[in-house]
Amino acid sequence: MPKANYNQVISEIKTLKLSDQLRLLEEMATLIRKGINKQATRSILELKGKGKDIWKGHNVKAYIDEKRSSWNG
């Protein structure tokens, strides 16, 4: 079965009675909500190790100590 393009679908919807358009809208909203609920939640732990290459060749402890000492003026 060939996929209809957006404009074809809209044209078909316009031919429906208003009550059927509303029913379609409700069904589409339900499908979209189900799709949103299926999306995986993200975790901050996914960031572990990101950016580690930035610190290669740098003394991280010295950098942190320098930043902390600047907090006190």
PDB file of N, CA and C in Angstrom:
ATOM      1  N   MET A   1       0.848  -1.175   0.000  1.00  0.00           N
ATOM      2  CA  MET A   1       0.000   0.000   0.000  1.00  0.00           C
ATOM      3  C   MET A   1       0.894   1.238   0.000  1.00  0.00           C
ATOM      4  N   PRO A   2       0.745   2.112  -0.999  1.00  0.00           N
ATOM      5  CA  PRO A   2       1.600   3.306  -1.052  1.00  0.00           C
ATOM      6  C   PRO A   2       1.246   4.290   0.056  1.00  0.00           C
ATOM      7  N   LYS A   3       2.278   4.974   0.523  1.00  0.00           N
ATOM      8  CA  LYS A   3       2.062   5.981   1.565  1.00  0.00           C
ATOM      9  C   LYS A   3       1.503   7.248   0.934  1.00  0.00           C
ATOM     10  N   ALA A   4       0.478   7.794   1.561  1.00  0.00           N
ATOM     11  CA  ALA A   4      -0.104   9.040   1.075  1.00  0.00           C
ATOM     12  C   ALA A   4       0.727  10.204   1.592  1.00  0.00           C
ATOM     13  N   ASN A   5       0.819  11.240   0.799  1.00  0.00           N
ATOM     14  CA  ASN A   5       1.549  12.397   1.295  1.00  0.00           C
ATOM     15  C   ASN A   5       0.624  13.274   2.140  1.00  0.00           C
ATOM     16  N   TYR A   6       1.208  14.198   2.809  1.00  0.00           N
ATOM     17  CA  TYR A   6       0.488  15.059   3.753  1.00  0.00           C
ATOM     18  C   TYR A   6      -0.709  15.750   3.102  1.00  0.00           C
ATOM     19  N   ASN A   7      -0.509  16.343   1.936  1.00  0.00           N
ATOM     20  CA  ASN A   7      -1.589  17.073   1.277  1.00  0.00           C
ATOM     21  C   ASN A   7      -2.747  16.163   0.895  1.00  0.00           C
ATOM     22  N   GLN A   8      -2.441  14.932   0.501  1.00  0.00           N
ATOM     23  CA  GLN A   8      -3.499  13.982   0.180  1.00  0.00           C
ATOM     24  C   GLN A   8      -4.322  13.650   1.421  1.00  0.00           C
ATOM     25  N   VAL A   9      -3.625  13.457   2.528  1.00  0.00           N
ATOM     26  CA  VAL A   9      -4.313  13.130   3.778  1.00  0.00           C
ATOM     27  C   VAL A   9      -5.215  14.295   4.196  1.00  0.00           C
ATOM     28  N   ILE A  10      -4.709  15.488   4.121  1.00  0.00           N
ATOM     29  CA  ILE A  10      -5.500  16.659   4.484  1.00  0.00           C
ATOM     30  C   ILE A  10      -6.737  16.773   3.594  1.00  0.00           C
ATOM     31  N   SER A  11      -6.567  16.528   2.316  1.00  0.00           N
ATOM     32  CA  SER A  11      -7.707  16.579   1.387  1.00  0.00           C
ATOM     33  C   SER A  11      -8.770  15.562   1.770  1.00  0.00           C
ATOM     34  N   GLU A  12      -8.323  14.376   2.139  1.00  0.00           N
ATOM     35  CA  GLU A  12      -9.271  13.335   2.559  1.00  0.00           C
ATOM     36  C   GLU A  12      -9.981  13.720   3.848  1.00  0.00           C
ATOM     37  N   ILE A  13      -9.258  14.275   4.768  1.00  0.00           N
ATOM     38  CA  ILE A  13      -9.857  14.674   6.047  1.00  0.00           C
ATOM     39  C   ILE A  13     -10.931  15.728   5.826  1.00  0.00           C
ATOM     40  N   LYS A  14     -10.680  16.647   4.929  1.00  0.00           N
ATOM     41  CA  LYS A  14     -11.654  17.708   4.648  1.00  0.00           C
ATOM     42  C   LYS A  14     -12.965  17.160   4.101  1.00  0.00           C
ATOM     43  N   THR A  15     -12.940  15.969   3.518  1.00  0.00           N
ATOM     44  CA  THR A  15     -14.178  15.385   2.984  1.00  0.00           C
ATOM     45  C   THR A  15     -15.015  14.710   4.065  1.00  0.00           C
ATOM     46  N   LEU A  16     -14.433  14.515   5.241  1.00  0.00           N
ATOM     47  CA  LEU A  16     -15.164  13.858   6.328  1.00  0.00           C
ATOM     48  C   LEU A  16     -16.169  14.819   6.963  1.00  0.00           C
ATOM     49  N   LYS A  17     -17.200  14.238   7.569  1.00  0.00           N
ATOM     50  CA  LYS A  17     -18.139  15.047   8.349  1.00  0.00           C
ATOM     51  C   LYS A  17     -17.381  15.607   9.551  1.00  0.00           C
ATOM     52  N   LEU A  18     -17.865  16.708  10.082  1.00  0.00           N
ATOM     53  CA  LEU A  18     -17.217  17.341  11.233  1.00  0.00           C
ATOM     54  C   LEU A  18     -17.090  16.373  12.404  1.00  0.00           C
ATOM     55  N   SER A  19     -18.115  15.581  12.649  1.00  0.00           N
ATOM     56  CA  SER A  19     -18.063  14.623  13.770  1.00  0.00           C
ATOM     57  C   SER A  19     -16.948  13.598  13.551  1.00  0.00           C
ATOM     58  N   ASP A  20     -16.755  13.166  12.307  1.00  0.00           N
ATOM     59  CA  ASP A  20     -15.674  12.224  12.016  1.00  0.00           C
ATOM     60  C   ASP A  20     -14.300  12.887  12.110  1.00  0.00           C
ATOM     61  N   GLN A  21     -14.212  14.159  11.723  1.00  0.00           N
ATOM     62  CA  GLN A  21     -12.962  14.895  11.870  1.00  0.00           C
ATOM     63  C   GLN A  21     -12.585  14.995  13.347  1.00  0.00           C
ATOM     64  N   LEU A  22     -13.569  15.278  14.191  1.00  0.00           N
ATOM     65  CA  LEU A  22     -13.298  15.377  15.634  1.00  0.00           C
ATOM     66  C   LEU A  22     -12.881  14.024  16.203  1.00  0.00           C
ATOM     67  N   ARG A  23     -13.562  12.961  15.754  1.00  0.00           N
ATOM     68  CA  ARG A  23     -13.201  11.621  16.211  1.00  0.00           C
ATOM     69  C   ARG A  23     -11.771  11.277  15.785  1.00  0.00           C
ATOM     70  N   LEU A  24     -11.418  11.617  14.558  1.00  0.00           N
ATOM     71  CA  LEU A  24     -10.064  11.394  14.060  1.00  0.00           C
ATOM     72  C   LEU A  24      -9.045  12.168  14.890  1.00  0.00           C
ATOM     73  N   LEU A  25      -9.382  13.409  15.192  1.00  0.00           N
ATOM     74  CA  LEU A  25      -8.494  14.247  16.002  1.00  0.00           C
ATOM     75  C   LEU A  25      -8.246  13.618  17.371  1.00  0.00           C
ATOM     76  N   GLU A  26      -9.301  13.115  17.992  1.00  0.00           N
ATOM     77  CA  GLU A  26      -9.165  12.471  19.304  1.00  0.00           C
ATOM     78  C   GLU A  26      -8.304  11.215  19.211  1.00  0.00           C
ATOM     79  N   GLU A  27      -8.518  10.422  18.152  1.00  0.00           N
ATOM     80  CA  GLU A  27      -7.718   9.206  17.983  1.00  0.00           C
ATOM     81  C   GLU A  27      -6.251   9.538  17.736  1.00  0.00           C
ATOM     82  N   MET A  28      -5.997  10.573  16.946  1.00  0.00           N
ATOM     83  CA  MET A  28      -4.611  10.985  16.689  1.00  0.00           C
ATOM     84  C   MET A  28      -3.950  11.488  17.971  1.00  0.00           C
ATOM     85  N   ALA A  29      -4.685  12.244  18.773  1.00  0.00           N
ATOM     86  CA  ALA A  29      -4.129  12.729  20.044  1.00  0.00           C
ATOM     87  C   ALA A  29      -3.762  11.553  20.946  1.00  0.00           C
ATOM     88  N   THR A  30      -4.608  10.535  20.960  1.00  0.00           N
ATOM     89  CA  THR A  30      -4.324   9.343  21.771  1.00  0.00           C
ATOM     90  C   THR A  30      -3.061   8.641  21.268  1.00  0.00           C
ATOM     91  N   LEU A  31      -2.945   8.477  19.956  1.00  0.00           N
ATOM     92  CA  LEU A  31      -1.747   7.838  19.385  1.00  0.00           C
ATOM     93  C   LEU A  31      -0.486   8.625  19.715  1.00  0.00           C
ATOM     94  N   ILE A  32      -0.569   9.934  19.619  1.00  0.00           N
ATOM     95  CA  ILE A  32       0.601  10.776  19.895  1.00  0.00           C
ATOM     96  C   ILE A  32       0.984  10.679  21.361  1.00  0.00           C
ATOM     97  N   ARG A  33      -0.007  10.712  22.249  1.00  0.00           N
ATOM     98  CA  ARG A  33       0.291  10.588  23.691  1.00  0.00           C
ATOM     99  C   ARG A  33       0.967   9.258  23.991  1.00  0.00           C
ATOM    100  N   LYS A  34       0.486   8.185  23.378  1.00  0.00           N
ATOM    101  CA  LYS A  34       1.108   6.868  23.596  1.00  0.00           C
ATOM    102  C   LYS A  34       2.548   6.874  23.106  1.00  0.00           C
ATOM    103  N   GLY A  35       2.791   7.531  21.978  1.00  0.00           N
ATOM    104  CA  GLY A  35       4.149   7.620  21.449  1.00  0.00           C
ATOM    105  C   GLY A  35       5.061   8.405  22.364  1.00  0.00           C
ATOM    106  N   ILE A  36       4.541   9.472  22.950  1.00  0.00           N
ATOM    107  CA  ILE A  36       5.333  10.286  23.878  1.00  0.00           C
ATOM    108  C   ILE A  36       5.670   9.477  25.120  1.00  0.00           C
ATOM    109  N   ASN A  37       4.708   8.713  25.601  1.00  0.00           N
ATOM    110  CA  ASN A  37       4.940   7.915  26.808  1.00  0.00           C
ATOM    111  C   ASN A  37       5.948   6.800  26.572  1.00  0.00           C
ATOM    112  N   LYS A  38       6.112   6.365  25.327  1.00  0.00           N
ATOM    113  CA  LYS A  38       7.060   5.298  25.019  1.00  0.00           C
ATOM    114  C   LYS A  38       8.489   5.806  24.906  1.00  0.00           C
ATOM    115  N   GLN A  39       8.660   7.119  24.809  1.00  0.00           N
ATOM    116  CA  GLN A  39      10.006   7.665  24.683  1.00  0.00           C
ATOM    117  C   GLN A  39      10.791   7.361  25.954  1.00  0.00           C
ATOM    118  N   ALA A  40      12.007   6.917  25.756  1.00  0.00           N
ATOM    119  CA  ALA A  40      12.856   6.574  26.899  1.00  0.00           C
ATOM    120  C   ALA A  40      13.237   7.832  27.670  1.00  0.00           C
ATOM    121  N   THR A  41      13.224   7.699  28.979  1.00  0.00           N
ATOM    122  CA  THR A  41      13.689   8.813  29.796  1.00  0.00           C
ATOM    123  C   THR A  41      15.209   8.836  29.759  1.00  0.00           C
ATOM    124  N   ARG A  42      15.769   9.984  29.905  1.00  0.00           N
ATOM    125  CA  ARG A  42      17.216  10.142  29.831  1.00  0.00           C
ATOM    126  C   ARG A  42      17.776  10.194  31.256  1.00  0.00           C
ATOM    127  N   SER A  43      19.025   9.839  31.372  1.00  0.00           N
ATOM    128  CA  SER A  43      19.695   9.842  32.666  1.00  0.00           C
ATOM    129  C   SER A  43      20.936  10.728  32.595  1.00  0.00           C
ATOM    130  N   ILE A  44      21.201  11.425  33.662  1.00  0.00           N
ATOM    131  CA  ILE A  44      22.406  12.260  33.745  1.00  0.00           C
ATOM    132  C   ILE A  44      23.656  11.385  33.609  1.00  0.00           C
ATOM    133  N   LEU A  45      23.536  10.120  33.959  1.00  0.00           N
ATOM    134  CA  LEU A  45      24.676   9.213  33.884  1.00  0.00           C
ATOM    135  C   LEU A  45      25.129   8.965  32.442  1.00  0.00           C
ATOM    136  N   GLU A  46      24.270   9.281  31.465  1.00  0.00           N
ATOM    137  CA  GLU A  46      24.661   9.143  30.061  1.00  0.00           C
ATOM    138  C   GLU A  46      25.807  10.096  29.706  1.00  0.00           C
ATOM    139  N   LEU A  47      26.007  11.116  30.507  1.00  0.00           N
ATOM    140  CA  LEU A  47      27.058  12.093  30.240  1.00  0.00           C
ATOM    141  C   LEU A  47      28.427  11.644  30.763  1.00  0.00           C
ATOM    142  N   LYS A  48      28.452  10.527  31.488  1.00  0.00           N
ATOM    143  CA  LYS A  48      29.704  10.050  32.071  1.00  0.00           C
ATOM    144  C   LYS A  48      30.750   9.866  30.979  1.00  0.00           C
ATOM    145  N   GLY A  49      31.905  10.473  31.182  1.00  0.00           N
ATOM    146  CA  GLY A  49      33.019  10.346  30.258  1.00  0.00           C
ATOM    147  C   GLY A  49      32.999  11.336  29.114  1.00  0.00           C
ATOM    148  N   LYS A  50      31.921  12.080  28.956  1.00  0.00           N
ATOM    149  CA  LYS A  50      31.849  13.062  27.861  1.00  0.00           C
ATOM    150  C   LYS A  50      32.790  14.223  28.183  1.00  0.00           C
ATOM    151  N   GLY A  51      33.550  14.649  27.239  1.00  0.00           N
ATOM    152  CA  GLY A  51      34.447  15.781  27.430  1.00  0.00           C
ATOM    153  C   GLY A  51      35.759  15.441  28.103  1.00  0.00           C
ATOM    154  N   LYS A  52      36.003  14.150  28.341  1.00  0.00           N
ATOM    155  CA  LYS A  52      37.236  13.790  29.054  1.00  0.00           C
ATOM    156  C   LYS A  52      38.483  14.137  28.246  1.00  0.00           C
ATOM    157  N   ASP A  53      38.348  14.168  26.929  1.00  0.00           N
ATOM    158  CA  ASP A  53      39.497  14.511  26.086  1.00  0.00           C
ATOM    159  C   ASP A  53      39.945  15.957  26.287  1.00  0.00           C
ATOM    160  N   ILE A  54      39.026  16.800  26.720  1.00  0.00           N
ATOM    161  CA  ILE A  54      39.355  18.212  26.958  1.00  0.00           C
ATOM    162  C   ILE A  54      40.426  18.338  28.039  1.00  0.00           C
ATOM    163  N   TRP A  55      40.410  17.423  28.990  1.00  0.00           N
ATOM    164  CA  TRP A  55      41.315  17.524  30.134  1.00  0.00           C
ATOM    165  C   TRP A  55      42.639  16.801  29.930  1.00  0.00           C
ATOM    166  N   LYS A  56      42.825  16.134  28.794  1.00  0.00           N
ATOM    167  CA  LYS A  56      44.097  15.447  28.552  1.00  0.00           C
ATOM    168  C   LYS A  56      45.233  16.461  28.559  1.00  0.00           C
ATOM    169  N   GLY A  57      46.277  16.158  29.303  1.00  0.00           N
ATOM    170  CA  GLY A  57      47.446  17.032  29.362  1.00  0.00           C
ATOM    171  C   GLY A  57      47.301  18.163  30.370  1.00  0.00           C
ATOM    172  N   HIS A  58      46.164  18.233  31.071  1.00  0.00           N
ATOM    173  CA  HIS A  58      45.962  19.287  32.072  1.00  0.00           C
ATOM    174  C   HIS A  58      45.968  18.670  33.468  1.00  0.00           C
ATOM    175  N   ASN A  59      46.464  19.439  34.401  1.00  0.00           N
ATOM    176  CA  ASN A  59      46.416  19.010  35.788  1.00  0.00           C
ATOM    177  C   ASN A  59      45.077  19.482  36.352  1.00  0.00           C
ATOM    178  N   VAL A  60      44.125  18.568  36.419  1.00  0.00           N
ATOM    179  CA  VAL A  60      42.764  18.916  36.824  1.00  0.00           C
ATOM    180  C   VAL A  60      42.741  19.423  38.261  1.00  0.00           C
ATOM    181  N   LYS A  61      43.490  18.781  39.144  1.00  0.00           N
ATOM    182  CA  LYS A  61      43.505  19.203  40.551  1.00  0.00           C
ATOM    183  C   LYS A  61      44.005  20.632  40.674  1.00  0.00           C
ATOM    184  N   ALA A  62      45.078  20.960  39.955  1.00  0.00           N
ATOM    185  CA  ALA A  62      45.607  22.331  40.001  1.00  0.00           C
ATOM    186  C   ALA A  62      44.574  23.329  39.468  1.00  0.00           C
ATOM    187  N   TYR A  63      43.877  22.965  38.426  1.00  0.00           N
ATOM    188  CA  TYR A  63      42.843  23.841  37.858  1.00  0.00           C
ATOM    189  C   TYR A  63      41.724  24.086  38.874  1.00  0.00           C
ATOM    190  N   ILE A  64      41.263  23.013  39.501  1.00  0.00           N
ATOM    191  CA  ILE A  64      40.189  23.151  40.499  1.00  0.00           C
ATOM    192  C   ILE A  64      40.667  23.973  41.676  1.00  0.00           C
ATOM    193  N   ASP A  65      41.875  23.704  42.164  1.00  0.00           N
ATOM    194  CA  ASP A  65      42.411  24.487  43.292  1.00  0.00           C
ATOM    195  C   ASP A  65      42.510  25.962  42.943  1.00  0.00           C
ATOM    196  N   GLU A  66      42.934  26.284  41.733  1.00  0.00           N
ATOM    197  CA  GLU A  66      43.045  27.672  41.294  1.00  0.00           C
ATOM    198  C   GLU A  66      41.663  28.344  41.261  1.00  0.00           C
ATOM    199  N   LYS A  67      40.685  27.643  40.734  1.00  0.00           N
ATOM    200  CA  LYS A  67      39.325  28.198  40.673  1.00  0.00           C
ATOM    201  C   LYS A  67      38.759  28.417  42.071  1.00  0.00           C
ATOM    202  N   ARG A  68      38.960  27.451  42.947  1.00  0.00           N
ATOM    203  CA  ARG A  68      38.445  27.560  44.320  1.00  0.00           C
ATOM    204  C   ARG A  68      39.103  28.718  45.065  1.00  0.00           C
ATOM    205  N   SER A  69      40.384  28.922  44.841  1.00  0.00           N
ATOM    206  CA  SER A  69      41.079  30.009  45.551  1.00  0.00           C
ATOM    207  C   SER A  69      40.574  31.376  45.070  1.00  0.00           C
ATOM    208  N   SER A  70      40.080  31.441  43.843  1.00  0.00           N
ATOM    209  CA  SER A  70      39.580  32.722  43.339  1.00  0.00           C
ATOM    210  C   SER A  70      38.211  33.081  43.921  1.00  0.00           C
ATOM    211  N   TRP A  71      37.525  32.101  44.493  1.00  0.00           N
ATOM    212  CA  TRP A  71      36.203  32.363  45.078  1.00  0.00           C
ATOM    213  C   TRP A  71      36.304  33.254  46.308  1.00  0.00           C
ATOM    214  N   ASN A  72      37.431  33.159  47.011  1.00  0.00           N
ATOM    215  CA  ASN A  72      37.587  33.908  48.246  1.00  0.00           C
ATOM    216  C   ASN A  72      38.243  35.267  48.021  1.00  0.00           C
ATOM    217  N   GLY A  73      38.515  35.579  46.784  1.00  0.00           N
ATOM    218  CA  GLY A  73      39.098  36.886  46.464  1.00  0.00           C
ATOM    219  C   GLY A  73      40.529  36.890  46.585  1.00  0.00           C
TER     220      GLY A  73
END
